[in-house]
PDB file of N, CA and C in Angstrom:
ATOM      1  N   MET A   1       0.844  -1.168   0.000  1.00  0.00           N
ATOM      2  CA  MET A   1       0.000   0.000   0.000  1.00  0.00           C
ATOM      3  C   MET A   1       0.895   1.239   0.000  1.00  0.00           C
ATOM      4  N   HIS A   2       0.684   2.146  -0.898  1.00  0.00           N
ATOM      5  CA  HIS A   2       1.494   3.356  -0.993  1.00  0.00           C
ATOM      6  C   HIS A   2       0.695   4.549  -0.481  1.00  0.00           C
ATOM      7  N   PHE A   3       1.335   5.328   0.393  1.00  0.00           N
ATOM      8  CA  PHE A   3       0.688   6.524   0.923  1.00  0.00           C
ATOM      9  C   PHE A   3       1.261   7.797   0.329  1.00  0.00           C
ATOM     10  N   ARG A   4       2.215   7.648  -0.559  1.00  0.00           N
ATOM     11  CA  ARG A   4       2.872   8.818  -1.134  1.00  0.00           C
ATOM     12  C   ARG A   4       1.844   9.682  -1.854  1.00  0.00           C
ATOM     13  N   GLY A   5       1.865  10.950  -1.520  1.00  0.00           N
ATOM     14  CA  GLY A   5       0.956  11.886  -2.166  1.00  0.00           C
ATOM     15  C   GLY A   5      -0.394  12.001  -1.483  1.00  0.00           C
ATOM     16  N   HIS A   6      -0.688  11.122  -0.544  1.00  0.00           N
ATOM     17  CA  HIS A   6      -1.986  11.165   0.124  1.00  0.00           C
ATOM     18  C   HIS A   6      -1.984  12.053   1.356  1.00  0.00           C
ATOM     19  N   PHE A   7      -0.802  12.360   1.864  1.00  0.00           N
ATOM     20  CA  PHE A   7      -0.703  13.186   3.056  1.00  0.00           C
ATOM     21  C   PHE A   7       0.163  14.399   2.750  1.00  0.00           C
ATOM     22  N   ASN A   8      -0.148  15.487   3.354  1.00  0.00           N
ATOM     23  CA  ASN A   8       0.627  16.702   3.153  1.00  0.00           C
ATOM     24  C   ASN A   8       1.274  17.076   4.487  1.00  0.00           C
ATOM     25  N   PHE A   9       2.516  16.657   4.681  1.00  0.00           N
ATOM     26  CA  PHE A   9       3.231  16.967   5.904  1.00  0.00           C
ATOM     27  C   PHE A   9       4.109  18.172   5.678  1.00  0.00           C
ATOM     28  N   GLU A  10       4.114  19.048   6.638  1.00  0.00           N
ATOM     29  CA  GLU A  10       5.006  20.205   6.578  1.00  0.00           C
ATOM     30  C   GLU A  10       6.368  19.780   7.119  1.00  0.00           C
ATOM     31  N   ARG A  11       7.406  20.017   6.350  1.00  0.00           N
ATOM     32  CA  ARG A  11       8.755  19.677   6.796  1.00  0.00           C
ATOM     33  C   ARG A  11       9.436  20.939   7.268  1.00  0.00           C
ATOM     34  N   ARG A  12      10.006  20.856   8.446  1.00  0.00           N
ATOM     35  CA  ARG A  12      10.730  22.005   9.004  1.00  0.00           C
ATOM     36  C   ARG A  12      12.128  21.558   9.357  1.00  0.00           C
ATOM     37  N   HIS A  13      13.051  22.439   9.144  1.00  0.00           N
ATOM     38  CA  HIS A  13      14.437  22.157   9.489  1.00  0.00           C
ATOM     39  C   HIS A  13      14.797  23.014  10.699  1.00  0.00           C
ATOM     40  N   ASP A  14      15.173  22.377  11.765  1.00  0.00           N
ATOM     41  CA  ASP A  14      15.531  23.095  12.990  1.00  0.00           C
ATOM     42  C   ASP A  14      16.979  22.782  13.330  1.00  0.00           C
ATOM     43  N   VAL A  15      17.825  23.771  13.276  1.00  0.00           N
ATOM     44  CA  VAL A  15      19.254  23.590  13.538  1.00  0.00           C
ATOM     45  C   VAL A  15      19.491  23.081  14.957  1.00  0.00           C
ATOM     46  N   ARG A  16      18.683  23.521  15.897  1.00  0.00           N
ATOM     47  CA  ARG A  16      18.860  23.071  17.291  1.00  0.00           C
ATOM     48  C   ARG A  16      18.686  21.561  17.405  1.00  0.00           C
ATOM     49  N   ASN A  17      17.741  21.000  16.666  1.00  0.00           N
ATOM     50  CA  ASN A  17      17.545  19.548  16.718  1.00  0.00           C
ATOM     51  C   ASN A  17      18.768  18.810  16.199  1.00  0.00           C
ATOM     52  N   ASN A  18      19.393  19.341  15.154  1.00  0.00           N
ATOM     53  CA  ASN A  18      20.610  18.715  14.645  1.00  0.00           C
ATOM     54  C   ASN A  18      21.702  18.735  15.698  1.00  0.00           C
ATOM     55  N   TYR A  19      21.836  19.843  16.409  1.00  0.00           N
ATOM     56  CA  TYR A  19      22.856  19.961  17.443  1.00  0.00           C
ATOM     57  C   TYR A  19      22.602  18.955  18.560  1.00  0.00           C
ATOM     58  N   VAL A  20      21.373  18.881  19.025  1.00  0.00           N
ATOM     59  CA  VAL A  20      21.026  17.946  20.105  1.00  0.00           C
ATOM     60  C   VAL A  20      21.243  16.518  19.631  1.00  0.00           C
ATOM     61  N   HIS A  21      20.831  16.221  18.414  1.00  0.00           N
ATOM     62  CA  HIS A  21      21.011  14.872  17.880  1.00  0.00           C
ATOM     63  C   HIS A  21      22.494  14.510  17.821  1.00  0.00           C
ATOM     64  N   SER A  22      23.327  15.426  17.376  1.00  0.00           N
ATOM     65  CA  SER A  22      24.760  15.120  17.286  1.00  0.00           C
ATOM     66  C   SER A  22      25.363  14.935  18.671  1.00  0.00           C
ATOM     67  N   GLN A  23      24.884  15.677  19.654  1.00  0.00           N
ATOM     68  CA  GLN A  23      25.383  15.521  21.019  1.00  0.00           C
ATOM     69  C   GLN A  23      24.983  14.170  21.594  1.00  0.00           C
ATOM     70  N   VAL A  24      23.752  13.754  21.358  1.00  0.00           N
ATOM     71  CA  VAL A  24      23.277  12.457  21.846  1.00  0.00           C
ATOM     72  C   VAL A  24      24.048  11.340  21.158  1.00  0.00           C
ATOM     73  N   THR A  25      24.255  11.472  19.857  1.00  0.00           N
ATOM     74  CA  THR A  25      25.005  10.467  19.118  1.00  0.00           C
ATOM     75  C   THR A  25      26.430  10.358  19.652  1.00  0.00           C
ATOM     76  N   ALA A  26      27.059  11.496  19.893  1.00  0.00           N
ATOM     77  CA  ALA A  26      28.421  11.494  20.434  1.00  0.00           C
ATOM     78  C   ALA A  26      28.458  10.844  21.814  1.00  0.00           C
ATOM     79  N   SER A  27      27.474  11.141  22.651  1.00  0.00           N
ATOM     80  CA  SER A  27      27.415  10.546  23.996  1.00  0.00           C
ATOM     81  C   SER A  27      27.258   9.040  23.913  1.00  0.00           C
ATOM     82  N   ASN A  28      26.374   8.593  23.043  1.00  0.00           N
ATOM     83  CA  ASN A  28      26.150   7.153  22.903  1.00  0.00           C
ATOM     84  C   ASN A  28      27.395   6.445  22.378  1.00  0.00           C
ATOM     85  N   THR A  29      28.079   7.079  21.436  1.00  0.00           N
ATOM     86  CA  THR A  29      29.299   6.493  20.893  1.00  0.00           C
ATOM     87  C   THR A  29      30.359   6.389  21.973  1.00  0.00           C
ATOM     88  N   ARG A  30      30.526   7.429  22.766  1.00  0.00           N
ATOM     89  CA  ARG A  30      31.511   7.428  23.846  1.00  0.00           C
ATOM     90  C   ARG A  30      31.170   6.360  24.892  1.00  0.00           C
ATOM     91  N   ALA A  31      29.905   6.266  25.250  1.00  0.00           N
ATOM     92  CA  ALA A  31      29.486   5.258  26.234  1.00  0.00           C
ATOM     93  C   ALA A  31      29.748   3.854  25.701  1.00  0.00           C
ATOM     94  N   HIS A  32      29.475   3.643  24.431  1.00  0.00           N
ATOM     95  CA  HIS A  32      29.732   2.331  23.834  1.00  0.00           C
ATOM     96  C   HIS A  32      31.222   2.015  23.853  1.00  0.00           C
ATOM     97  N   ASP A  33      32.049   3.001  23.495  1.00  0.00           N
ATOM     98  CA  ASP A  33      33.500   2.792  23.501  1.00  0.00           C
ATOM     99  C   ASP A  33      33.999   2.423  24.895  1.00  0.00           C
ATOM    100  N   LEU A  34      33.482   3.094  25.913  1.00  0.00           N
ATOM    101  CA  LEU A  34      33.895   2.789  27.286  1.00  0.00           C
ATOM    102  C   LEU A  34      33.451   1.391  27.705  1.00  0.00           C
ATOM    103  N   LEU A  35      32.264   1.009  27.292  1.00  0.00           N
ATOM    104  CA  LEU A  35      31.753  -0.324  27.615  1.00  0.00           C
ATOM    105  C   LEU A  35      32.615  -1.400  26.958  1.00  0.00           C
ATOM    106  N   VAL A  36      32.965  -1.200  25.699  1.00  0.00           N
ATOM    107  CA  VAL A  36      33.819  -2.158  24.989  1.00  0.00           C
ATOM    108  C   VAL A  36      35.184  -2.221  25.648  1.00  0.00           C
ATOM    109  N   ARG A  37      35.731  -1.050  26.009  1.00  0.00           N
ATOM    110  CA  ARG A  37      37.041  -1.009  26.671  1.00  0.00           C
ATOM    111  C   ARG A  37      37.011  -1.793  27.974  1.00  0.00           C
ATOM    112  N   ARG A  38      35.983  -1.584  28.787  1.00  0.00           N
ATOM    113  CA  ARG A  38      35.873  -2.313  30.054  1.00  0.00           C
ATOM    114  C   ARG A  38      35.770  -3.815  29.822  1.00  0.00           C
ATOM    115  N   PHE A  39      35.018  -4.201  28.790  1.00  0.00           N
ATOM    116  CA  PHE A  39      34.871  -5.622  28.472  1.00  0.00           C
ATOM    117  C   PHE A  39      36.232  -6.237  28.134  1.00  0.00           C
ATOM    118  N   PHE A  40      36.960  -5.605  27.227  1.00  0.00           N
ATOM    119  CA  PHE A  40      38.254  -6.157  26.826  1.00  0.00           C
ATOM    120  C   PHE A  40      39.249  -6.169  27.974  1.00  0.00           C
ATOM    121  N   PHE A  41      39.267  -5.132  28.789  1.00  0.00           N
ATOM    122  CA  PHE A  41      40.230  -5.117  29.876  1.00  0.00           C
ATOM    123  C   PHE A  41      39.856  -6.080  30.991  1.00  0.00           C
ATOM    124  N   SER A  42      38.595  -6.454  31.105  1.00  0.00           N
ATOM    125  CA  SER A  42      38.248  -7.510  32.068  1.00  0.00           C
ATOM    126  C   SER A  42      38.816  -8.847  31.589  1.00  0.00           C
ATOM    127  N   ILE A  43      38.848  -9.044  30.274  1.00  0.00           N
ATOM    128  CA  ILE A  43      39.466 -10.258  29.719  1.00  0.00           C
ATOM    129  C   ILE A  43      40.981 -10.206  29.895  1.00  0.00           C
ATOM    130  N   PHE A  44      41.585  -9.053  29.573  1.00  0.00           N
ATOM    131  CA  PHE A  44      43.032  -8.899  29.719  1.00  0.00           C
ATOM    132  C   PHE A  44      43.466  -9.086  31.168  1.00  0.00           C
ATOM    133  N   ALA A  45      42.643  -8.653  32.108  1.00  0.00           N
ATOM    134  CA  ALA A  45      42.985  -8.787  33.527  1.00  0.00           C
ATOM    135  C   ALA A  45      43.131 -10.254  33.913  1.00  0.00           C
ATOM    136  N   LYS A  46      42.291 -11.103  33.344  1.00  0.00           N
ATOM    137  CA  LYS A  46      42.385 -12.541  33.637  1.00  0.00           C
ATOM    138  C   LYS A  46      43.561 -13.185  32.913  1.00  0.00           C
ATOM    139  N   LYS A  47      43.817 -12.717  31.697  1.00  0.00           N
ATOM    140  CA  LYS A  47      44.878 -13.307  30.887  1.00  0.00           C
ATOM    141  C   LYS A  47      46.268 -12.828  31.306  1.00  0.00           C
ATOM    142  N   PHE A  48      46.366 -11.598  31.785  1.00  0.00           N
ATOM    143  CA  PHE A  48      47.645 -11.000  32.183  1.00  0.00           C
ATOM    144  C   PHE A  48      47.537 -10.418  33.599  1.00  0.00           C
ATOM    145  N   PRO A  49      47.434 -11.239  34.635  1.00  0.00           N
ATOM    146  CA  PRO A  49      47.192 -10.735  35.993  1.00  0.00           C
ATOM    147  C   PRO A  49      48.316  -9.853  36.546  1.00  0.00           C
ATOM    148  N   ALA A  50      49.518  -9.978  36.027  1.00  0.00           N
ATOM    149  CA  ALA A  50      50.649  -9.206  36.562  1.00  0.00           C
ATOM    150  C   ALA A  50      50.545  -7.711  36.255  1.00  0.00           C
ATOM    151  N   TYR A  51      49.676  -7.334  35.330  1.00  0.00           N
ATOM    152  CA  TYR A  51      49.591  -5.928  34.911  1.00  0.00           C
ATOM    153  C   TYR A  51      48.551  -5.123  35.680  1.00  0.00           C
ATOM    154  N   GLY A  52      47.656  -5.767  36.389  1.00  0.00           N
ATOM    155  CA  GLY A  52      46.665  -5.041  37.178  1.00  0.00           C
ATOM    156  C   GLY A  52      45.610  -4.328  36.351  1.00  0.00           C
ATOM    157  N   PHE A  53      45.268  -4.888  35.184  1.00  0.00           N
ATOM    158  CA  PHE A  53      44.282  -4.251  34.313  1.00  0.00           C
ATOM    159  C   PHE A  53      42.924  -4.061  34.986  1.00  0.00           C
ATOM    160  N   GLU A  54      42.605  -4.926  35.942  1.00  0.00           N
ATOM    161  CA  GLU A  54      41.299  -4.797  36.611  1.00  0.00           C
ATOM    162  C   GLU A  54      41.207  -3.497  37.418  1.00  0.00           C
ATOM    163  N   LYS A  55      42.361  -2.926  37.763  1.00  0.00           N
ATOM    164  CA  LYS A  55      42.359  -1.686  38.543  1.00  0.00           C
ATOM    165  C   LYS A  55      42.421  -0.439  37.670  1.00  0.00           C
ATOM    166  N   HIS A  56      43.316  -0.431  36.678  1.00  0.00           N
ATOM    167  CA  HIS A  56      43.514   0.814  35.914  1.00  0.00           C
ATOM    168  C   HIS A  56      42.903   0.784  34.520  1.00  0.00           C
ATOM    169  N   LYS A  57      42.349  -0.342  34.090  1.00  0.00           N
ATOM    170  CA  LYS A  57      41.662  -0.489  32.802  1.00  0.00           C
ATOM    171  C   LYS A  57      42.508  -0.022  31.616  1.00  0.00           C
ATOM    172  N   GLY A  58      43.834  -0.116  31.756  1.00  0.00           N
ATOM    173  CA  GLY A  58      44.715   0.232  30.653  1.00  0.00           C
ATOM    174  C   GLY A  58      45.123   1.684  30.584  1.00  0.00           C
ATOM    175  N   TYR A  59      44.617   2.491  31.496  1.00  0.00           N
ATOM    176  CA  TYR A  59      45.017   3.899  31.508  1.00  0.00           C
ATOM    177  C   TYR A  59      46.429   4.019  32.078  1.00  0.00           C
ATOM    178  N   GLY A  60      47.130   5.057  31.688  1.00  0.00           N
ATOM    179  CA  GLY A  60      48.537   5.222  32.044  1.00  0.00           C
ATOM    180  C   GLY A  60      48.774   5.649  33.477  1.00  0.00           C
ATOM    181  N   THR A  61      48.516   4.789  34.406  1.00  0.00           N
ATOM    182  CA  THR A  61      48.771   5.089  35.815  1.00  0.00           C
ATOM    183  C   THR A  61      50.206   4.698  36.164  1.00  0.00           C
ATOM    184  N   ARG A  62      50.662   5.144  37.292  1.00  0.00           N
ATOM    185  CA  ARG A  62      52.007   4.791  37.755  1.00  0.00           C
ATOM    186  C   ARG A  62      52.146   3.272  37.900  1.00  0.00           C
ATOM    187  N   ALA A  63      51.127   2.629  38.442  1.00  0.00           N
ATOM    188  CA  ALA A  63      51.158   1.171  38.610  1.00  0.00           C
ATOM    189  C   ALA A  63      51.249   0.460  37.261  1.00  0.00           C
ATOM    190  N   HIS A  64      50.555   0.998  36.267  1.00  0.00           N
ATOM    191  CA  HIS A  64      50.590   0.401  34.934  1.00  0.00           C
ATOM    192  C   HIS A  64      51.993   0.508  34.341  1.00  0.00           C
ATOM    193  N   TYR A  65      52.599   1.680  34.448  1.00  0.00           N
ATOM    194  CA  TYR A  65      53.959   1.865  33.931  1.00  0.00           C
ATOM    195  C   TYR A  65      54.965   0.968  34.653  1.00  0.00           C
ATOM    196  N   GLU A  66      54.816   0.831  35.954  1.00  0.00           N
ATOM    197  CA  GLU A  66      55.717  -0.036  36.714  1.00  0.00           C
ATOM    198  C   GLU A  66      55.565  -1.498  36.300  1.00  0.00           C
ATOM    199  N   ALA A  67      54.325  -1.912  36.034  1.00  0.00           N
ATOM    200  CA  ALA A  67      54.088  -3.292  35.588  1.00  0.00           C
ATOM    201  C   ALA A  67      54.708  -3.531  34.211  1.00  0.00           C
ATOM    202  N   ILE A  68      54.644  -2.527  33.349  1.00  0.00           N
ATOM    203  CA  ILE A  68      55.260  -2.660  32.021  1.00  0.00           C
ATOM    204  C   ILE A  68      56.775  -2.760  32.153  1.00  0.00           C
ATOM    205  N   LYS A  69      57.354  -1.922  33.011  1.00  0.00           N
ATOM    206  CA  LYS A  69      58.813  -1.969  33.202  1.00  0.00           C
ATOM    207  C   LYS A  69      59.248  -3.318  33.768  1.00  0.00           C
ATOM    208  N   LYS A  70      58.441  -3.866  34.661  1.00  0.00           N
ATOM    209  CA  LYS A  70      58.776  -5.136  35.310  1.00  0.00           C
ATOM    210  C   LYS A  70      58.530  -6.334  34.390  1.00  0.00           C
ATOM    211  N   ASN A  71      57.397  -6.340  33.663  1.00  0.00           N
ATOM    212  CA  ASN A  71      56.970  -7.514  32.905  1.00  0.00           C
ATOM    213  C   ASN A  71      57.113  -7.379  31.388  1.00  0.00           C
ATOM    214  N   GLY A  72      57.492  -6.199  30.910  1.00  0.00           N
ATOM    215  CA  GLY A  72      57.540  -5.987  29.465  1.00  0.00           C
ATOM    216  C   GLY A  72      56.155  -5.652  28.931  1.00  0.00           C
ATOM    217  N   ILE A  73      56.042  -5.632  27.598  1.00  0.00           N
ATOM    218  CA  ILE A  73      54.746  -5.299  27.009  1.00  0.00           C
ATOM    219  C   ILE A  73      54.104  -6.555  26.421  1.00  0.00           C
ATOM    220  N   THR A  74      52.799  -6.510  26.258  1.00  0.00           N
ATOM    221  CA  THR A  74      52.065  -7.587  25.605  1.00  0.00           C
ATOM    222  C   THR A  74      51.784  -7.164  24.165  1.00  0.00           C
ATOM    223  N   LYS A  75      51.215  -8.056  23.388  1.00  0.00           N
ATOM    224  CA  LYS A  75      50.863  -7.706  22.011  1.00  0.00           C
ATOM    225  C   LYS A  75      49.699  -6.713  21.968  1.00  0.00           C
ATOM    226  N   HIS A  76      49.041  -6.510  23.116  1.00  0.00           N
ATOM    227  CA  HIS A  76      47.896  -5.608  23.177  1.00  0.00           C
ATOM    228  C   HIS A  76      48.295  -4.170  23.522  1.00  0.00           C
ATOM    229  N   HIS A  77      49.507  -3.967  23.965  1.00  0.00           N
ATOM    230  CA  HIS A  77      49.956  -2.610  24.269  1.00  0.00           C
ATOM    231  C   HIS A  77      50.190  -1.831  22.985  1.00  0.00           C
ATOM    232  N   ARG A  78      49.831  -0.560  22.994  1.00  0.00           N
ATOM    233  CA  ARG A  78      50.074   0.305  21.842  1.00  0.00           C
ATOM    234  C   ARG A  78      51.518   0.783  21.902  1.00  0.00           C
ATOM    235  N   LYS A  79      52.314   0.315  20.969  1.00  0.00           N
ATOM    236  CA  LYS A  79      53.732   0.666  20.969  1.00  0.00           C
ATOM    237  C   LYS A  79      53.963   2.153  20.733  1.00  0.00           C
ATOM    238  N   SER A  80      53.075   2.785  19.968  1.00  0.00           N
ATOM    239  CA  SER A  80      53.225   4.224  19.710  1.00  0.00           C
ATOM    240  C   SER A  80      53.069   5.019  21.007  1.00  0.00           C
ATOM    241  N   PHE A  81      52.240   4.521  21.906  1.00  0.00           N
ATOM    242  CA  PHE A  81      52.021   5.198  23.193  1.00  0.00           C
ATOM    243  C   PHE A  81      53.203   4.974  24.139  1.00  0.00           C
ATOM    244  N   LEU A  82      53.908   3.876  23.964  1.00  0.00           N
ATOM    245  CA  LEU A  82      54.964   3.483  24.904  1.00  0.00           C
ATOM    246  C   LEU A  82      56.351   3.964  24.487  1.00  0.00           C
ATOM    247  N   LYS A  83      56.439   4.788  23.463  1.00  0.00           N
ATOM    248  CA  LYS A  83      57.752   5.293  23.041  1.00  0.00           C
ATOM    249  C   LYS A  83      58.421   6.003  24.221  1.00  0.00           C
ATOM    250  N   GLY A  84      59.666   5.686  24.453  1.00  0.00           N
ATOM    251  CA  GLY A  84      60.387   6.308  25.550  1.00  0.00           C
ATOM    252  C   GLY A  84      60.246   5.576  26.872  1.00  0.00           C
ATOM    253  N   LEU A  85      59.271   4.693  26.979  1.00  0.00           N
ATOM    254  CA  LEU A  85      59.082   3.959  28.225  1.00  0.00           C
ATOM    255  C   LEU A  85      59.825   2.626  28.178  1.00  0.00           C
ATOM    256  N   VAL A  86      59.750   1.968  27.064  1.00  0.00           N
ATOM    257  CA  VAL A  86      60.348   0.637  26.921  1.00  0.00           C
ATOM    258  C   VAL A  86      61.589   0.732  26.053  1.00  0.00           C
TER     259      VAL A  86
END
């Protein structure tokens, strides 16, 4: 069943709605990224207990740097981030 042409809807463009929509989209994307990060680091914490991933979730804390110096890096560490440390 086609309704095209049977209804006359007024279309309005509101810049504020675009702004709010982009903010909500950005928030949802950020929340999803954090959720994925937590998921992966919960796995890494079990696989690599010496690094303390369950505490710092991979963020560059003093404990994280000390664990890297003591245990080396894993294949999951970003080498570009670790320049000068290792």
